[in-house]
Every structure is written in C-alpha cells, then in structure tokens.
N, C-alpha and C. Protein backbone atom coordinates (compact mmCIF):
# COMPACT_ATOMS: atom_id res chain seq x y z
N MET A 1 105.26 -175.14 35.32
CA MET A 1 104.27 -175.08 34.14
C MET A 1 103.24 -176.27 34.29
N THR A 2 102.22 -176.19 34.24
CA THR A 2 101.21 -177.35 34.07
C THR A 2 100.32 -177.10 32.88
N HIS A 3 100.10 -178.21 32.20
CA HIS A 3 99.35 -178.33 31.17
C HIS A 3 98.16 -179.10 31.36
N LYS A 4 97.34 -179.13 30.57
CA LYS A 4 96.17 -180.02 30.48
C LYS A 4 96.42 -181.59 30.54
N PHE A 5 97.38 -181.88 29.55
CA PHE A 5 97.96 -183.09 29.53
C PHE A 5 98.81 -183.67 30.71
N THR A 6 99.60 -182.65 31.18
CA THR A 6 100.46 -182.91 32.52
C THR A 6 99.57 -183.21 33.54
N ARG A 7 98.44 -182.37 33.69
CA ARG A 7 97.71 -182.61 34.89
C ARG A 7 97.05 -183.92 34.72
N ARG A 8 96.52 -184.18 33.70
CA ARG A 8 95.75 -185.43 33.48
C ARG A 8 96.68 -186.72 33.67
N ILE A 9 97.95 -186.74 33.37
CA ILE A 9 98.95 -187.82 33.52
C ILE A 9 99.09 -187.81 35.04
N TRP A 10 99.44 -186.58 35.79
CA TRP A 10 99.59 -186.50 37.34
C TRP A 10 98.42 -187.26 37.87
N SER A 11 97.15 -186.83 37.49
CA SER A 11 96.18 -187.15 38.32
C SER A 11 95.67 -188.78 38.07
N GLU A 12 96.19 -189.21 36.81
CA GLU A 12 95.77 -190.52 36.44
C GLU A 12 96.74 -191.43 37.32
N THR A 13 98.11 -191.05 37.43
CA THR A 13 99.02 -191.67 38.17
C THR A 13 98.63 -191.69 39.64
N ALA A 14 98.12 -190.56 40.15
CA ALA A 14 97.61 -190.46 41.61
C ALA A 14 96.58 -191.58 41.95
N HIS A 15 95.68 -191.83 41.04
CA HIS A 15 94.41 -192.57 41.37
C HIS A 15 94.37 -194.00 40.88
N THR A 16 95.43 -194.37 40.10
CA THR A 16 95.42 -195.52 39.58
C THR A 16 95.96 -196.58 40.84
N PRO A 17 95.34 -197.80 40.78
CA PRO A 17 95.73 -198.71 41.80
C PRO A 17 97.08 -199.39 41.45
N SER A 18 97.94 -199.38 42.50
CA SER A 18 99.21 -199.81 41.94
C SER A 18 99.65 -201.03 43.16
N LEU A 19 100.84 -201.59 42.86
CA LEU A 19 101.39 -202.48 43.67
C LEU A 19 102.39 -201.89 44.59
N LEU A 20 102.37 -200.44 44.97
CA LEU A 20 102.99 -199.82 45.99
C LEU A 20 102.48 -199.95 47.26
N SER A 21 103.15 -200.03 48.31
CA SER A 21 102.79 -199.94 49.56
C SER A 21 102.05 -198.66 50.01
N GLY A 22 101.34 -198.53 51.01
CA GLY A 22 100.50 -197.52 51.46
C GLY A 22 101.35 -196.17 51.56
N SER A 23 102.79 -196.29 52.17
CA SER A 23 103.44 -195.03 52.29
C SER A 23 103.88 -194.69 51.06
N GLN A 24 104.40 -195.63 50.21
CA GLN A 24 104.89 -195.26 48.82
C GLN A 24 103.64 -194.57 47.87
N ALA A 25 102.61 -195.11 47.91
CA ALA A 25 101.30 -194.58 47.38
C ALA A 25 101.06 -193.00 47.76
N SER A 26 101.08 -192.85 49.09
CA SER A 26 100.95 -191.59 49.52
C SER A 26 101.95 -190.68 49.19
N LYS A 27 103.30 -191.09 49.27
CA LYS A 27 104.17 -190.11 48.77
C LYS A 27 104.10 -190.00 47.33
N LEU A 28 103.70 -190.78 46.51
CA LEU A 28 103.63 -190.64 45.01
C LEU A 28 102.42 -189.68 44.84
N THR A 29 101.35 -189.60 45.60
CA THR A 29 100.31 -188.90 45.61
C THR A 29 100.68 -187.53 45.89
N LYS A 30 101.56 -187.13 46.81
CA LYS A 30 102.23 -185.94 47.36
C LYS A 30 102.74 -185.19 46.01
N VAL A 31 103.66 -186.14 45.41
CA VAL A 31 104.45 -185.48 44.35
C VAL A 31 103.54 -185.13 43.24
N SER A 32 102.57 -186.02 42.84
CA SER A 32 101.76 -185.62 41.83
C SER A 32 100.89 -184.13 42.17
N SER A 33 100.64 -183.90 43.66
CA SER A 33 99.93 -182.85 43.78
C SER A 33 100.83 -181.43 43.61
N LEU A 34 102.14 -181.80 43.63
CA LEU A 34 103.24 -180.61 43.37
C LEU A 34 103.03 -180.08 42.08
N ALA A 35 102.29 -180.81 40.93
CA ALA A 35 102.42 -180.37 39.69
C ALA A 35 101.15 -179.32 39.53
N THR A 36 100.32 -179.34 40.36
CA THR A 36 99.07 -178.34 40.15
C THR A 36 99.39 -176.97 41.10
N HIS A 37 100.86 -176.87 41.82
CA HIS A 37 100.83 -175.81 42.55
C HIS A 37 102.03 -174.66 42.11
N THR A 38 101.95 -174.91 40.58
CA THR A 38 102.81 -174.01 40.00
C THR A 38 102.13 -172.75 39.39
N PRO A 39 102.63 -171.63 39.14
CA PRO A 39 102.12 -170.55 38.64
C PRO A 39 101.24 -170.71 37.28
N ASP A 40 100.19 -170.09 37.09
CA ASP A 40 99.59 -170.08 35.93
C ASP A 40 100.03 -169.65 34.67
N SER A 41 99.88 -170.20 33.58
CA SER A 41 100.52 -169.77 32.34
C SER A 41 100.10 -168.28 31.88
N ILE A 42 98.83 -167.97 32.30
CA ILE A 42 98.57 -166.49 32.15
C ILE A 42 99.52 -165.47 32.61
N THR A 43 99.73 -165.88 33.99
CA THR A 43 100.83 -165.19 34.84
C THR A 43 101.98 -164.94 34.09
N LYS A 44 102.61 -165.97 33.64
CA LYS A 44 103.78 -166.07 32.89
C LYS A 44 103.86 -165.32 31.74
N GLY A 45 102.80 -165.45 30.83
CA GLY A 45 102.50 -164.76 29.54
C GLY A 45 102.51 -163.00 29.90
N ALA A 46 101.68 -162.76 31.00
CA ALA A 46 101.47 -161.32 31.49
C ALA A 46 103.11 -160.83 31.81
N GLU A 47 103.81 -161.65 32.39
CA GLU A 47 105.17 -161.17 32.79
C GLU A 47 105.98 -160.90 31.60
N ILE A 48 105.78 -161.80 30.77
CA ILE A 48 106.61 -161.60 29.36
C ILE A 48 106.30 -160.30 28.79
N ALA A 49 104.89 -160.33 28.50
CA ALA A 49 104.28 -158.91 27.81
C ALA A 49 104.62 -157.70 28.49
N GLY A 50 104.56 -157.70 29.91
CA GLY A 50 104.92 -156.60 30.44
C GLY A 50 106.35 -156.20 30.44
N THR A 51 107.27 -157.20 30.61
CA THR A 51 108.64 -156.75 30.68
C THR A 51 109.05 -156.24 29.21
N VAL A 52 108.61 -156.83 28.14
CA VAL A 52 108.65 -156.41 26.79
C VAL A 52 108.07 -155.02 26.56
N LEU A 53 107.10 -154.78 27.26
CA LEU A 53 106.36 -153.48 27.19
C LEU A 53 107.29 -152.37 27.66
N VAL A 54 107.65 -152.50 28.96
CA VAL A 54 108.53 -151.79 29.78
C VAL A 54 109.79 -151.47 29.12
N PHE A 55 110.51 -152.51 28.66
CA PHE A 55 111.75 -152.32 27.74
C PHE A 55 111.49 -151.58 26.56
N PHE A 56 110.42 -151.77 25.79
CA PHE A 56 109.95 -150.96 24.61
C PHE A 56 109.89 -149.53 25.10
N LEU A 57 109.30 -149.34 25.89
CA LEU A 57 109.05 -147.77 26.49
C LEU A 57 110.30 -147.14 26.93
N LEU A 58 111.14 -147.78 27.68
CA LEU A 58 112.20 -147.40 28.13
C LEU A 58 113.18 -147.03 26.66
N GLY A 59 113.33 -147.88 25.86
CA GLY A 59 113.96 -147.58 24.44
C GLY A 59 113.40 -146.49 23.73
N TRP A 60 112.05 -146.37 23.65
CA TRP A 60 111.55 -145.28 22.90
C TRP A 60 111.77 -143.99 23.68
N PHE A 61 111.74 -143.87 25.20
CA PHE A 61 112.08 -142.71 25.76
C PHE A 61 113.67 -142.33 25.70
N ILE A 62 114.62 -143.42 25.53
CA ILE A 62 115.86 -143.20 25.39
C ILE A 62 116.19 -142.45 23.95
N ASP A 63 115.44 -143.18 22.94
CA ASP A 63 115.51 -142.77 21.62
C ASP A 63 114.99 -141.18 21.34
N ARG A 64 113.86 -140.95 22.09
CA ARG A 64 113.34 -139.67 21.85
C ARG A 64 114.40 -138.42 22.59
N ARG A 65 114.92 -138.96 23.78
CA ARG A 65 115.76 -137.98 24.43
C ARG A 65 117.05 -137.63 23.57
N LEU A 66 117.53 -138.78 22.78
CA LEU A 66 118.83 -138.54 22.13
C LEU A 66 118.68 -138.27 20.56
N ASP A 67 117.36 -138.25 20.02
CA ASP A 67 117.17 -138.07 18.88
C ASP A 67 117.83 -139.11 17.95
N SER A 68 117.76 -140.22 18.41
CA SER A 68 118.49 -141.33 17.69
C SER A 68 117.41 -142.08 16.78
N THR A 69 117.87 -142.90 16.00
CA THR A 69 117.03 -144.06 15.32
C THR A 69 116.60 -144.82 16.43
N PRO A 70 115.58 -145.79 15.95
CA PRO A 70 115.07 -146.60 17.02
C PRO A 70 115.92 -147.99 17.65
N TRP A 71 117.41 -147.54 17.58
CA TRP A 71 118.24 -148.65 17.95
C TRP A 71 118.19 -149.01 19.34
N PHE A 72 117.79 -148.13 20.28
CA PHE A 72 117.72 -148.50 21.65
C PHE A 72 116.30 -149.21 21.94
N MET A 73 115.28 -148.78 21.09
CA MET A 73 113.95 -149.44 21.33
C MET A 73 114.19 -150.85 20.75
N ILE A 74 114.74 -151.03 19.59
CA ILE A 74 114.80 -152.38 19.10
C ILE A 74 115.89 -153.36 20.02
N SER A 75 116.83 -152.76 20.42
CA SER A 75 117.89 -153.62 21.11
C SER A 75 117.28 -153.89 22.39
N LEU A 76 116.61 -153.01 23.30
CA LEU A 76 116.02 -153.41 24.42
C LEU A 76 114.97 -154.43 24.36
N VAL A 77 114.10 -154.38 23.39
CA VAL A 77 112.94 -155.15 23.22
C VAL A 77 113.63 -156.65 22.90
N VAL A 78 114.56 -156.78 21.86
CA VAL A 78 115.22 -158.02 21.71
C VAL A 78 115.94 -158.51 23.05
N LEU A 79 116.63 -157.71 23.76
CA LEU A 79 117.21 -158.06 25.10
C LEU A 79 116.07 -158.57 26.13
N ALA A 80 115.03 -158.14 26.20
CA ALA A 80 113.86 -158.40 27.15
C ALA A 80 113.37 -159.66 26.72
N VAL A 81 113.25 -159.92 25.32
CA VAL A 81 112.68 -160.92 24.89
C VAL A 81 113.51 -162.21 25.09
N VAL A 82 114.88 -162.06 24.83
CA VAL A 82 115.99 -163.07 25.22
C VAL A 82 115.99 -163.53 26.54
N ALA A 83 115.96 -162.61 27.48
CA ALA A 83 116.05 -162.83 28.76
C ALA A 83 114.78 -163.24 29.24
N GLN A 84 113.68 -163.14 28.91
CA GLN A 84 112.41 -163.84 29.40
C GLN A 84 112.47 -165.08 29.06
N PHE A 85 112.76 -165.37 27.86
CA PHE A 85 112.80 -166.98 27.39
C PHE A 85 113.92 -167.60 28.11
N ALA A 86 114.96 -167.13 28.30
CA ALA A 86 116.15 -167.84 29.06
C ALA A 86 115.79 -167.98 30.44
N LYS A 87 115.00 -167.09 31.11
CA LYS A 87 114.36 -167.09 32.39
C LYS A 87 113.63 -168.17 32.27
N LEU A 88 112.60 -168.41 31.62
CA LEU A 88 111.50 -169.47 31.26
C LEU A 88 112.19 -170.95 31.30
N TYR A 89 113.27 -171.05 30.38
CA TYR A 89 113.91 -172.37 30.13
C TYR A 89 114.55 -172.75 31.55
N TYR A 90 115.25 -171.76 32.14
CA TYR A 90 115.99 -172.29 33.34
C TYR A 90 115.15 -172.52 34.59
N VAL A 91 114.23 -171.86 34.59
CA VAL A 91 113.04 -172.04 35.64
C VAL A 91 112.27 -173.24 35.51
N TYR A 92 111.89 -173.49 34.17
CA TYR A 92 111.16 -174.85 33.96
C TYR A 92 112.30 -176.05 34.12
N ASN A 93 113.37 -175.97 33.64
CA ASN A 93 114.17 -177.07 33.93
C ASN A 93 114.51 -177.53 35.47
N ALA A 94 114.68 -176.22 36.12
CA ALA A 94 114.69 -176.55 37.68
C ALA A 94 113.60 -176.95 38.22
N GLN A 95 112.41 -176.61 37.79
CA GLN A 95 111.22 -177.23 38.51
C GLN A 95 111.07 -178.80 37.96
N MET A 96 111.24 -178.92 36.64
CA MET A 96 111.24 -180.40 36.27
C MET A 96 112.16 -181.30 36.95
N THR A 97 113.42 -180.77 37.30
CA THR A 97 114.41 -181.52 37.81
C THR A 97 113.87 -181.93 39.37
N ASN A 98 113.49 -180.91 40.03
CA ASN A 98 112.84 -180.99 41.23
C ASN A 98 111.77 -182.15 41.32
N LEU A 99 110.87 -182.00 40.39
CA LEU A 99 109.79 -182.95 40.60
C LEU A 99 110.25 -184.36 40.12
N GLU A 100 111.13 -184.53 39.24
CA GLU A 100 111.67 -185.87 38.84
C GLU A 100 112.32 -186.37 40.15
N ALA A 101 113.11 -185.72 40.73
CA ALA A 101 113.93 -186.05 42.06
C ALA A 101 112.78 -186.48 42.95
N ALA A 102 111.82 -185.68 43.14
CA ALA A 102 110.79 -185.96 44.22
C ALA A 102 110.05 -187.35 43.72
N ARG A 103 109.80 -187.38 42.43
CA ARG A 103 108.97 -188.64 42.00
C ARG A 103 109.99 -189.93 42.42
N ARG A 104 111.32 -189.75 41.97
CA ARG A 104 112.17 -191.00 42.19
C ARG A 104 112.34 -191.28 43.51
N GLU A 105 112.34 -190.18 44.45
CA GLU A 105 112.37 -190.45 45.89
C GLU A 105 111.05 -191.10 46.51
N ALA A 106 109.99 -190.60 45.94
CA ALA A 106 108.81 -191.21 46.52
C ALA A 106 108.60 -192.79 46.03
N VAL A 107 109.01 -193.08 44.72
CA VAL A 107 108.91 -194.38 44.22
C VAL A 107 109.95 -195.39 45.00
N HIS A 108 111.28 -194.81 45.06
CA HIS A 108 112.28 -195.58 45.87
C HIS A 108 112.25 -195.79 47.17
N ALA A 109 111.46 -194.90 47.83
CA ALA A 109 111.34 -194.92 49.22
C ALA A 109 110.65 -196.24 49.71
N LYS A 110 111.13 -196.84 50.81
CA LYS A 110 110.46 -198.01 51.13
C LYS A 110 110.08 -197.86 52.72
C-alpha cells in the first residue's frame, strides 16, 4: 500500500546524499523503489466493494429462495467485510515486514 506521504519519504530517502558507500546507496535505492510497485488503492477498494456486493447478492438470493428474513444477506455481508479487512491487515503487515527486512539488509550490507 503506497500513500503520497510514504512515496515522498521513500523518494527523499533515495535521493538524499548520505555517507553510505556506492553499493549500500544503490541497495537502498532498490529497496525504496519497491514501495512504488504495490497495487493501487483503487484496486483494493474495488476488490472490497466487489466482494461485499457478491456476498450481498448471494445472501439476497438465499433469502428469496428460503423465504427467510434477511439473516443470510446480513450475515454474509458482515462475513465479507470482516474477511476483507482481515486480509488487508495481514497482507499489509507481510508487505511492511518484507520491506523493513529488505531495508535493514540494504543498510547493514557492506
């Protein structure tokens, strides 16, 4: 997940002169370029909205078939929302862990 603030920090880090050797600086630049290769926020938002919509329609269909109250519709929408946000949380944490490890490796490599 990249934000304007994150991109600015990464790009400033990559372009500021430092006391690092040439190989260390090039590794740091490679790590900073990783931040811009993640999927766009709009794609993630569309994925969340699409998943919730599919589960809503599935719940609506089940409720119509069973002549039940909107329990399936409500429960499936809640399930979809919780699952999507859990997925976002774990994917984001994994990406940040990988970026931090790569950044640490780039700084400590000599």
